[in-house]
């Protein structure tokens, strides 16, 4: 089960998250989301726990948990919403 972890400090590393979440169970993967241009953390990550029970345990253990002086937001990751096509009804930004 994939978890969204938000409100991370920019200094938090994938290793920090793995060490923390391993206390709740087996961590399948950690993906710290970084800015494409600067390589700097965007302040959130996705942590995948091996089982649903471990994911629920991690949510209860770490939602609101202080890490690097920040209160973490931890919940189940939702699938990314599909983006509309370029010709959407919202109109074009470019006017001729």
Protein backbone atom coordinates (compact mmCIF):
# COMPACT_ATOMS: atom_id res chain seq x y z
CA UNK A 1 0.00 0.00 0.00
CA UNK A 2 1.39 3.35 -1.04
CA UNK A 3 1.32 6.23 1.44
CA UNK A 4 1.57 9.96 0.83
CA UNK A 5 3.92 11.66 3.29
CA UNK A 6 3.72 15.44 3.29
CA UNK A 7 5.03 18.51 5.11
CA UNK A 8 8.60 17.21 4.97
CA UNK A 9 11.51 19.53 5.59
CA UNK A 10 13.77 20.02 2.60
CA UNK A 11 16.57 18.29 4.53
CA UNK A 12 14.67 15.00 4.90
CA UNK A 13 16.19 12.17 2.84
CA UNK A 14 14.80 8.91 1.50
CA UNK A 15 17.05 7.13 4.01
CA UNK A 16 15.48 9.12 6.88
CA UNK A 17 12.00 8.10 5.75
CA UNK A 18 12.96 4.46 5.28
CA UNK A 19 14.47 4.34 8.79
CA UNK A 20 11.34 5.89 10.30
CA UNK A 21 8.74 3.83 8.44
CA UNK A 22 10.61 0.54 8.95
CA UNK A 23 9.52 0.83 12.59
CA UNK A 24 5.93 0.27 11.38
CA UNK A 25 6.77 -2.68 9.12
CA UNK A 26 8.43 -3.71 5.87
CA UNK A 27 9.05 -0.80 3.51
CA UNK A 28 8.81 -1.80 -0.16
CA UNK A 29 9.94 1.55 -1.58
CA UNK A 30 10.52 5.22 -0.80
CA UNK A 31 10.25 7.96 -3.42
CA UNK A 32 11.14 11.49 -2.31
CA UNK A 33 9.69 13.85 -4.91
CA UNK A 34 12.20 16.40 -6.19
CA UNK A 35 12.03 19.43 -8.43
CA UNK A 36 13.02 18.47 -11.96
CA UNK A 37 15.17 21.56 -12.49
CA UNK A 38 16.82 22.13 -9.11
CA UNK A 39 16.87 18.59 -7.69
CA UNK A 40 15.57 20.01 -4.40
CA UNK A 41 12.90 18.18 -2.42
CA UNK A 42 9.34 19.34 -3.01
CA UNK A 43 8.48 18.51 0.61
CA UNK A 44 6.59 15.28 0.04
CA UNK A 45 7.23 11.63 -0.68
CA UNK A 46 5.57 8.30 -1.30
CA UNK A 47 6.35 5.37 0.97
CA UNK A 48 5.11 1.94 -0.04
CA UNK A 49 4.48 -0.49 2.80
CA UNK A 50 4.43 -4.25 2.17
CA UNK A 51 0.93 -4.85 3.56
CA UNK A 52 -2.26 -2.93 4.23
CA UNK A 53 -1.94 -3.64 7.96
CA UNK A 54 1.55 -2.12 8.02
CA UNK A 55 0.34 0.87 6.02
CA UNK A 56 -2.49 1.48 8.49
CA UNK A 57 -0.05 1.12 11.39
CA UNK A 58 2.30 3.66 9.77
CA UNK A 59 -0.57 6.14 9.29
CA UNK A 60 -1.59 5.86 12.94
CA UNK A 61 2.03 6.07 14.15
CA UNK A 62 3.24 8.94 11.99
CA UNK A 63 0.34 11.20 11.04
CA UNK A 64 1.16 14.34 13.06
CA UNK A 65 4.57 12.90 14.07
CA UNK A 66 7.34 15.51 14.39
CA UNK A 67 10.28 15.03 12.04
CA UNK A 68 12.88 17.78 11.64
CA UNK A 69 10.57 20.20 13.51
CA UNK A 70 7.64 19.56 11.12
CA UNK A 71 4.39 17.71 11.75
CA UNK A 72 4.09 14.99 9.12
CA UNK A 73 0.96 14.40 7.06
CA UNK A 74 0.56 10.69 6.35
CA UNK A 75 -2.35 9.11 4.50
CA UNK A 76 -3.11 6.63 1.76
CA UNK A 77 -1.85 7.84 -1.59
CA UNK A 78 -4.61 8.51 -4.09
CA UNK A 79 -4.14 7.78 -7.78
CA UNK A 80 -3.16 10.82 -9.80
CA UNK A 81 -6.18 12.41 -11.44
CA UNK A 82 -6.17 12.20 -15.20
CA UNK A 83 -5.35 15.47 -16.86
CA UNK A 84 -7.61 16.93 -19.51
CA UNK A 85 -6.54 17.19 -23.12
CA UNK A 86 -4.84 20.30 -24.45
CA UNK A 87 -8.03 21.35 -26.22
CA UNK A 88 -10.07 21.50 -23.02
CA UNK A 89 -13.12 23.72 -22.67
CA UNK A 90 -11.28 26.05 -20.28
CA UNK A 91 -9.98 27.99 -23.27
CA UNK A 92 -6.50 28.74 -24.42
CA UNK A 93 -4.09 30.95 -22.51
CA UNK A 94 -2.86 32.33 -25.81
CA UNK A 95 -4.97 34.96 -27.51
CA UNK A 96 -4.27 36.05 -31.09
